[in-house]
Amino acid sequence: MANGQWYPPEWPDRIRALADGTLTPVTPRRAATVLLLKDTPDGPVVHMLRRRASMAFAGGAYAYPGGGVDPRDDDRQIRWAGPTRAWWAERLGVDPAGAQAIVCAAVRETYEEAGVLLAGPDPDSVVGDTTGDDWEADRAALVARELSFAEFLERRGLVLRSDLLGAWTRWITPEFEARRYDTWFFVAALPEGQHTRNASTEADRTVWIRPEEAAAGYDKGELLMMPPTVATLRQLLPYRTAAEALAAAPARDMTPVLARARLEDGEIVLSWPGHDEFTKHVPTAPTPAGTPVAASAETTVPTAADTTGGGPA
C-alpha cells in the first residue's frame, strides 16, 4: 500500500548530477521547528499544520510550526530562563550565540504560526492571551522580519523560557536539494492558559492529533508528510504524557540525520542513516520531467528535505 510520502520529481536528476560532479551543494541554512504537545485522557496530542495545496513545494503536507534562524537574534542580550546559553551550545553542537538564535527561532516560529508564546514577564511564568490587536501587530512585524525576536522580547519586557523546550533531533537537507536547511527539532508542552490558532499564511488547516493516529494516516496514504515529520511522530509513541517526552529530550542523540546517495548495481540508492524506511532505489536513466518516481512494496519513497511548517517548510 502506498504511504503518504511526497517525492519531488526532480530528485533523480539532481542526485545523478551530484554523483557525476556537475551539481555543487548549497550551504544549509539553520532552522528550528517545534513539536507542541498537550495531554488528553487518551494520551498526548501534537499540533500540526497542513501546507496549502496551492504551494509549489510539498503542498498538502502536514508539518510542525517552524522556520529559519534570524541572525539578528544571535548577539543581542536577552532575558533568559532555564539552561544557560553555554549548556544549549553544547546540546545543539554550536557556539553560545548560535544556540541563542536557534532557541529564539523555535520560540518565535511557534508564536508566529501557532499563536503560542513560550515567554513570560519573569522566569517562572508565561504570558496569557496573545490574541489582542497589539499582540497581532507585533506578530505580523515578526513574520515580515521588520522586528527581530530579541527586540520583541526586550520591548515587551519578556523572559524567554528555554526551560520549556527540549532538543529532540536534528535533520539536514540532502546535498542534492536546491534549498537546504540544518534543522533542530524541539518538543514543548502547551502552556496553561494559552491556545493554538492557525496564524500561518502557509497553512490551510491545523489539528491536534495523537502521534499514533498521524503515523497511521501516513502509513495508509491518507496524510501527506515528509521523512523528519514521520520519524519524529514515531519517536513520540512511547510517551504517555507531554512531561514524559520533555523529560526524555536531554538524553536524545542530536547527531544530524543527512541523506546519502550512492551508485550501486546500475541504480542510485538513496538512504537516511538510521531510518531504513526511507531508503529508495532510483533508476540511473533520466526520468522525464514532471514524472514522479513511484514507490515499490519494498522501498518507500523519500520525501522533500524541508522539514517544517513555514520558512524551511
Protein backbone atom coordinates (compact mmCIF):
# COMPACT_ATOMS: atom_id res chain seq x y z
CA MET A 1 0.00 0.00 0.00
CA ALA A 2 1.34 3.44 -0.89
CA ASN A 3 2.11 5.67 2.05
CA GLY A 4 1.80 9.43 2.35
CA GLN A 5 5.30 10.48 1.31
CA TRP A 6 5.77 13.45 -1.00
CA TYR A 7 8.51 12.98 -3.58
CA PRO A 8 9.83 15.79 -5.85
CA PRO A 9 10.10 14.56 -9.46
CA GLU A 10 13.36 16.46 -9.99
CA TRP A 11 15.24 14.48 -7.34
CA PRO A 12 16.61 11.65 -9.56
CA ASP A 13 18.22 14.11 -11.99
CA ARG A 14 19.68 16.17 -9.13
CA ILE A 15 21.07 13.04 -7.46
CA ARG A 16 22.71 11.99 -10.73
CA ALA A 17 24.20 15.47 -11.14
CA LEU A 18 25.61 15.34 -7.60
CA ALA A 19 27.08 11.89 -8.28
CA ASP A 20 28.83 12.97 -11.50
CA GLY A 21 30.14 16.21 -10.01
CA THR A 22 28.03 18.68 -12.01
CA LEU A 23 25.98 19.81 -9.00
CA THR A 24 27.56 21.91 -6.25
CA PRO A 25 25.72 21.57 -2.90
CA VAL A 26 24.46 24.79 -1.36
CA THR A 27 25.23 25.60 2.28
CA PRO A 28 22.29 24.69 4.53
CA ARG A 29 20.57 27.48 6.43
CA ARG A 30 19.92 26.98 10.15
CA ALA A 31 16.29 26.44 11.16
CA ALA A 32 14.16 25.26 14.08
CA THR A 33 10.80 23.54 14.42
CA VAL A 34 8.67 22.61 17.44
CA LEU A 35 6.55 19.58 18.27
CA LEU A 36 4.00 21.29 20.51
CA LEU A 37 2.30 18.76 22.80
CA LYS A 38 -0.66 18.74 25.16
CA ASP A 39 -2.16 16.00 27.32
CA THR A 40 -5.58 14.40 26.82
CA PRO A 41 -7.30 11.43 28.53
CA ASP A 42 -6.12 9.32 25.59
CA GLY A 43 -2.51 10.44 25.80
CA PRO A 44 -0.55 13.38 24.35
CA VAL A 45 -1.53 15.04 21.08
CA VAL A 46 0.75 17.07 18.83
CA HIS A 47 -0.07 20.30 16.99
CA MET A 48 0.32 20.01 13.20
CA LEU A 49 -0.46 22.28 10.30
CA ARG A 50 -1.22 21.40 6.70
CA ARG A 51 0.60 23.33 3.99
CA ARG A 52 -1.72 24.93 1.46
CA ALA A 53 -2.34 22.68 -1.53
CA SER A 54 -1.55 25.62 -3.83
CA MET A 55 2.05 25.75 -2.63
CA ALA A 56 4.56 24.56 -5.20
CA PHE A 57 6.67 22.78 -2.61
CA ALA A 58 5.10 19.98 -0.55
CA GLY A 59 1.59 21.36 -0.98
CA GLY A 60 -0.87 19.50 1.25
CA ALA A 61 1.84 18.05 3.51
CA TYR A 62 1.42 18.03 7.30
CA ALA A 63 4.25 19.53 9.35
CA TYR A 64 5.05 21.40 12.57
CA PRO A 65 5.48 25.14 13.15
CA GLY A 66 8.99 26.18 12.21
CA GLY A 67 11.27 28.34 10.12
CA GLY A 68 14.70 29.77 9.55
CA VAL A 69 17.01 31.27 12.16
CA ASP A 70 17.21 35.07 12.24
CA PRO A 71 20.90 36.08 12.57
CA ARG A 72 19.80 39.24 14.40
CA ASP A 73 18.98 37.05 17.41
CA ASP A 74 22.49 35.73 17.98
CA ASP A 75 24.28 38.70 19.53
CA ARG A 76 21.67 40.70 21.44
CA GLN A 77 21.50 40.12 25.18
CA ILE A 78 18.00 38.99 26.13
CA ARG A 79 16.34 37.95 29.37
CA TRP A 80 16.69 34.17 29.54
CA ALA A 81 15.28 31.45 31.82
CA GLY A 82 16.35 27.83 32.00
CA PRO A 83 19.63 26.18 30.98
CA THR A 84 22.40 28.62 30.12
CA ARG A 85 23.40 29.53 26.59
CA ALA A 86 26.60 27.53 27.14
CA TRP A 87 24.51 24.47 28.04
CA TRP A 88 22.39 24.91 24.94
CA ALA A 89 25.51 25.41 22.82
CA GLU A 90 26.85 22.02 23.89
CA ARG A 91 23.46 20.38 23.43
CA LEU A 92 22.90 21.79 19.94
CA GLY A 93 26.51 21.49 18.78
CA VAL A 94 27.03 25.20 18.08
CA ASP A 95 28.53 28.25 19.81
CA PRO A 96 26.55 30.13 22.51
CA ALA A 97 25.47 32.93 20.15
CA GLY A 98 24.24 30.39 17.62
CA ALA A 99 22.43 28.47 20.35
CA GLN A 100 20.56 31.60 21.42
CA ALA A 101 19.50 32.28 17.82
CA ILE A 102 18.29 28.70 17.30
CA VAL A 103 16.28 28.68 20.54
CA CYS A 104 14.85 32.10 19.64
CA ALA A 105 13.83 30.73 16.23
CA ALA A 106 11.99 27.81 17.87
CA VAL A 107 10.06 30.11 20.22
CA ARG A 108 9.44 32.77 17.56
CA GLU A 109 8.11 30.34 14.94
CA THR A 110 5.75 28.73 17.47
CA TYR A 111 4.36 32.20 18.17
CA GLU A 112 4.23 33.24 14.51
CA GLU A 113 2.49 30.11 13.23
CA ALA A 114 0.55 28.78 16.22
CA GLY A 115 -0.02 31.87 18.38
CA VAL A 116 1.71 30.20 21.36
CA LEU A 117 4.45 32.13 23.16
CA LEU A 118 7.00 30.40 25.40
CA ALA A 119 7.94 33.55 27.26
CA GLY A 120 6.72 35.44 30.31
CA PRO A 121 7.24 38.51 32.48
CA ASP A 122 9.53 36.54 34.81
CA PRO A 123 11.45 33.23 34.82
CA ASP A 124 8.55 31.33 36.41
CA SER A 125 5.58 32.37 34.27
CA VAL A 126 4.30 32.64 30.71
CA VAL A 127 2.05 35.22 29.09
CA GLY A 128 -1.68 34.54 28.90
CA ASP A 129 -3.87 35.60 25.99
CA THR A 130 -1.90 36.81 22.94
CA THR A 131 -4.83 37.46 20.59
CA GLY A 132 -5.25 41.24 21.06
CA ASP A 133 -4.63 43.78 18.31
CA ASP A 134 -1.33 44.92 19.82
CA TRP A 135 -0.06 41.35 20.02
CA GLU A 136 -1.17 40.71 16.44
CA ALA A 137 0.68 43.81 15.24
CA ASP A 138 3.89 42.54 16.82
CA ARG A 139 3.35 39.05 15.43
CA ALA A 140 2.88 40.47 11.92
CA ALA A 141 6.06 42.52 12.31
CA LEU A 142 7.95 39.38 13.30
CA VAL A 143 6.60 37.49 10.29
CA ALA A 144 7.64 40.34 7.99
CA ARG A 145 11.08 40.42 9.68
CA GLU A 146 10.52 44.09 10.48
CA LEU A 147 11.19 43.15 14.11
CA SER A 148 13.70 40.65 15.47
CA PHE A 149 12.56 38.31 18.21
CA ALA A 150 15.18 39.68 20.58
CA GLU A 151 13.79 43.19 20.00
CA PHE A 152 10.25 41.90 20.54
CA LEU A 153 11.18 40.33 23.89
CA GLU A 154 13.01 43.44 25.04
CA ARG A 155 10.20 45.80 24.06
CA ARG A 156 7.64 43.76 25.95
CA GLY A 157 9.88 43.06 28.92
CA LEU A 158 9.61 39.30 28.46
CA VAL A 159 11.86 36.43 29.55
CA LEU A 160 12.47 33.65 27.03
CA ARG A 161 11.60 30.31 28.70
CA SER A 162 14.23 27.98 27.28
CA ASP A 163 13.39 25.56 30.10
CA LEU A 164 10.07 24.84 28.35
CA LEU A 165 11.88 23.38 25.34
CA GLY A 166 13.63 20.04 24.86
CA ALA A 167 16.02 19.46 21.94
CA TRP A 168 14.74 16.32 20.22
CA THR A 169 16.58 15.62 16.94
CA ARG A 170 18.40 17.29 14.06
CA TRP A 171 17.97 16.79 10.31
CA ILE A 172 19.97 18.32 7.47
CA THR A 173 18.53 18.66 3.97
CA PRO A 174 20.29 16.32 1.49
CA GLU A 175 23.15 17.78 -0.53
CA PHE A 176 21.28 17.40 -3.83
CA GLU A 177 18.38 19.69 -2.80
CA ALA A 178 18.18 23.25 -4.13
CA ARG A 179 17.01 24.64 -0.77
CA ARG A 180 18.89 23.23 2.21
CA TYR A 181 18.26 23.56 5.95
CA ASP A 182 20.06 22.39 9.07
CA THR A 183 17.02 21.98 11.31
CA TRP A 184 16.85 21.39 15.05
CA PHE A 185 13.58 19.81 16.26
CA PHE A 186 12.32 20.65 19.75
CA VAL A 187 9.48 19.39 21.93
CA ALA A 188 7.41 21.65 24.16
CA ALA A 189 4.18 21.44 26.15
CA LEU A 190 1.34 23.89 25.52
CA PRO A 191 1.48 26.40 28.40
CA GLU A 192 -1.54 26.51 30.67
CA GLY A 193 -3.94 29.26 29.62
CA GLN A 194 -2.68 29.53 26.03
CA HIS A 195 -4.46 28.27 22.92
CA THR A 196 -3.25 27.46 19.42
CA ARG A 197 -4.66 29.04 16.29
CA ASN A 198 -3.81 28.93 12.61
CA ALA A 199 -1.69 32.06 12.31
CA SER A 200 0.37 30.83 9.35
CA THR A 201 -0.16 32.17 5.85
CA GLU A 202 1.25 28.89 4.50
CA ALA A 203 -1.27 26.57 6.21
CA ASP A 204 -4.92 25.95 5.41
CA ARG A 205 -5.60 23.71 8.42
CA THR A 206 -4.27 22.95 11.87
CA VAL A 207 -5.02 19.93 14.04
CA TRP A 208 -4.25 18.41 17.42
CA ILE A 209 -3.66 14.75 16.70
CA ARG A 210 -2.30 11.72 18.55
CA PRO A 211 1.12 10.72 17.15
CA GLU A 212 -0.07 7.16 16.53
CA GLU A 213 -3.10 8.43 14.63
CA ALA A 214 -0.99 10.74 12.47
CA ALA A 215 1.57 7.99 11.75
CA ALA A 216 -1.22 5.56 10.85
CA GLY A 217 -2.71 8.15 8.48
CA TYR A 218 0.66 8.49 6.82
CA ASP A 219 1.08 4.70 6.53
CA LYS A 220 -2.34 4.45 4.85
CA GLY A 221 -1.52 7.23 2.39
CA GLU A 222 -4.19 9.49 3.90
CA LEU A 223 -1.85 12.14 5.36
CA LEU A 224 0.99 13.56 3.28
CA MET A 225 4.22 14.08 5.23
CA MET A 226 8.00 14.42 4.92
CA PRO A 227 10.57 12.00 6.44
CA PRO A 228 11.52 14.06 9.52
CA THR A 229 7.84 14.54 10.37
CA VAL A 230 7.07 10.84 10.18
CA ALA A 231 10.24 9.88 12.05
CA THR A 232 9.53 12.26 14.95
CA LEU A 233 5.91 11.11 15.19
CA ARG A 234 7.09 7.53 15.61
CA GLN A 235 9.64 8.63 18.23
CA LEU A 236 6.84 10.13 20.34
CA LEU A 237 4.85 6.89 20.53
CA PRO A 238 6.37 5.53 23.80
CA TYR A 239 5.46 8.59 25.87
CA ARG A 240 2.19 8.76 27.80
CA THR A 241 2.37 12.47 28.66
CA ALA A 242 3.97 15.64 27.34
CA ALA A 243 6.07 15.79 30.50
CA GLU A 244 7.49 12.32 29.80
CA ALA A 245 8.58 13.40 26.32
CA LEU A 246 10.19 16.57 27.68
CA ALA A 247 11.98 14.58 30.38
CA ALA A 248 13.38 12.22 27.74
CA ALA A 249 14.70 15.00 25.50
CA PRO A 250 18.07 15.70 27.20
CA ALA A 251 19.22 12.12 26.63
CA ARG A 252 18.36 12.01 22.94
CA ASP A 253 21.11 11.74 20.32
CA MET A 254 21.47 15.01 18.38
CA THR A 255 23.78 13.62 15.67
CA PRO A 256 22.47 15.16 12.42
CA VAL A 257 20.50 12.93 10.07
CA LEU A 258 21.68 13.52 6.50
CA ALA A 259 20.51 11.59 3.44
CA ARG A 260 23.14 9.77 1.39
CA ALA A 261 23.03 8.87 -2.30
CA ARG A 262 25.32 6.24 -3.84
CA LEU A 263 25.61 4.34 -7.13
CA GLU A 264 25.08 0.61 -6.79
CA ASP A 265 24.42 -2.04 -9.48
CA GLY A 266 23.30 0.48 -12.07
CA GLU A 267 20.97 2.44 -9.83
CA ILE A 268 21.10 5.23 -7.28
CA VAL A 269 20.41 4.18 -3.70
CA LEU A 270 19.11 6.96 -1.50
CA SER A 271 19.08 6.41 2.25
CA TRP A 272 18.93 8.16 5.61
CA PRO A 273 21.26 6.60 8.23
CA GLY A 274 19.19 5.05 10.99
CA HIS A 275 15.91 5.39 9.07
CA ASP A 276 15.68 2.42 6.73
CA GLU A 277 12.01 3.02 5.90
CA PHE A 278 13.01 5.95 3.68
CA THR A 279 15.52 4.03 1.53
CA LYS A 280 14.79 4.39 -2.18
CA HIS A 281 16.29 2.85 -5.31
CA VAL A 282 16.33 5.37 -8.18
CA PRO A 283 16.86 4.29 -11.83
CA THR A 284 20.04 5.69 -13.38
CA ALA A 285 18.25 6.50 -16.64
CA PRO A 286 16.96 10.10 -16.59
CA THR A 287 13.31 10.45 -15.59
CA PRO A 288 11.10 12.54 -17.95
CA ALA A 289 10.44 15.99 -16.49
CA GLY A 290 7.43 16.06 -14.21
CA THR A 291 7.26 12.26 -13.84
CA PRO A 292 7.25 11.16 -10.18
CA VAL A 293 9.14 8.01 -9.22
CA ALA A 294 6.71 5.50 -7.71
CA ALA A 295 7.34 3.58 -4.52
CA SER A 296 7.63 -0.18 -4.56
CA ALA A 297 6.36 -2.51 -1.88
CA GLU A 298 9.91 -2.96 -0.62
CA THR A 299 11.20 0.61 -0.70
CA THR A 300 9.30 3.68 0.37
CA VAL A 301 9.67 6.98 -1.42
CA PRO A 302 11.71 9.59 0.43
CA THR A 303 10.15 12.98 0.73
CA ALA A 304 11.37 16.52 0.38
CA ALA A 305 14.08 17.64 2.70
CA ASP A 306 12.38 20.74 4.03
CA THR A 307 11.24 19.93 7.50
CA THR A 308 8.88 22.41 8.97
CA GLY A 309 5.65 24.27 8.52
CA GLY A 310 6.99 27.65 7.43
CA GLY A 311 10.35 29.05 6.39
CA PRO A 312 12.12 25.77 5.63
CA ALA A 313 8.65 24.36 5.21
